[in-house]
Amino acid sequence: MKRYFSLVLFFALLLLSNISQAIDKERFVGIQVKSDPSIVVKIWFNVGSQNDHVGKEGLANLTSALLSEGGTIEKTYSQILEELYPLATGYSASSSVEMTIFSGRTHTDNISTYYKLFVDQILNPAFREEDFNRLKQNQITYLETTLRYSSDEELGKAVLYNKIFNGTGYGHITEGTISGLKNITLEDVRNFYKKYFNKNNFVLGLSGNYSDELVNKLWNDLSKLPEGEWNKTEKPVTKKIEGLNYTLVEKKANASAISFGFPIDFLRGSREWYALAIANSWLGEHRNSSSHLYQVIREARGLNYGDYSYIENFPNGGRYSMPPQNVARKSQIFEVWIRPVPNETRLFSFRAAFRELKKLVDNGLSKDEFELTKKFLKKYVLHYAKNSAEKLGYVLDDKFYRLKNSHLIAFRKMMDEITLDEVNNAIKKHLQYKNMEIVFITDGTEKLRNDILEDNPSPITYPTSKPETIYQEDKDIMIFPVSTSAEKIKIMKVEELFN
């Protein structure tokens, strides 16, 4: 009898272990396209660099790197690459401030082989010492060398974000700090994984030609992740910015990268967001030669490659032409990015951009500017998600921002509904030019500091002649006021950054 009950219990437990976990519809999104020859999987884990431990900044990014570029319990990273190669595919993990995305794409013919590798990487990471040391050093090298000395554009934006969000969970870049990375141990990574990569802290997304069976199987396997809860986070509270605050980073270079901005208190989904999207697009649509800043600084004067503005975070702007997905955040900034200009024109270029922002805030858009821009945006937004992976990325972002309807559909709809008054009222309410953080990555910071303090004119000469209207406008730009008090100008050496 005792043996009989033991057998019954054994088979009952076996049966329970094979029952599929009920899919939480709030944590699953799908775009099923039967004609698509591929399947895209994106798993958003609700964790990012804001969850880094104090003194161990870079922990989230390092953990995600080990999930995509480290081995599993059964296979080394090299063995995994060898098995992925004939499939002509792969997978990756990327962290931002609030989101970590584990994603992959494969042809439907390869899903069985691919699936085993993909899921094993998430469920059974080995966290080997050699992988940990390799990826940790890669992250340190990025901060010490690549960001400091090879990417002035990203460097300026990184310093700007660090200044604005100083003292909050957003107050360091995703890659962390050099000292923070050096403090991270392999045990820190293992514990971080167990806490945040848990069975209740993800949203699953699928697109392409996937089957319902795949959805159930993937959800059931992800339910084997460690126990845990949804990661609840609050919107960071930034310190009030008063006046014009300059950070001048001393770096030996022939050109200067410039970024400036301030926090904004609105997010994607509201009518005000779409209204300001029109204003922002007119002022500085990313990689768009018709935008106003581009016309003033690049087209008319030939001072640099491009000049753009943003109402949402746009990392790696030099690499991408369209807004990225899955870098959503609860707090955004308005930002102007002036791509490197010759050092002798740095203050003139900043004045030109600053002056255009002031004119926008003071005067708003004209009817013609408004009509032209919203017509442009209604068509332009169709390019934001050109494939199933990008479309899925936007659907996950809709989840983050708690949007009931698709952002991409709403964007086009709002271009028919938003009025000129709404746009200009939103500009007055949310944009300003009196309280900002301003960053220069440049050589000769002492001279620049003095020029700012004294409000010295910044005359400009051109190698070829310009229309008389340009020369006349230059007279106003070169004396546009940019002065501030001495204590609001900080000079740093590039070697000091991200320590």
Foldseek 3Di string as FASTA:
>chain_A
DVVVVVVVVVVVVVVVLPDFDDDDPLQEAEAADQVFQKKKKKKKFFAAQLPADVQQGQLRQLLQQLLFQAAFPVDGSVVLCVQCVVQVWGWGWGGFLTIIMTMIMGGPVCCVVVVVSSLRSLATRPLDPVSSVVSLVVLLCCQQPCLLPPCQQLVQVQVQQLVFQPPGSSNHGRSFFNSSSVPDDSVNSVVVSLEGLALARIGMYMYYNDDPVVVRVSNRSSNSRHDYHHDDDDAGDTDFFFFEFEEEAADPDQWKKKKKWHWWQDDQPDLLVLLQVLVQCQQFQQPDCNHDLNCLQCVQANFDDGKHKDFADAPPSVVDRARAFDNDHNITIIMIIDGIGGPLCVLLSVLRSLVVLACCLVPNDDPVSSLVSLVVQLVVLVPRQPDGVSVRRQVVVCSVVVPPDGSSVVSNVSSVVDDSVSSNVSSNVTPDRGGMYMYMHYHPVVVVLVCQQVLPFRDDDGPDDGDPVSVVVSVCSRNRHRHDDSVSYHYHYSSPPSD
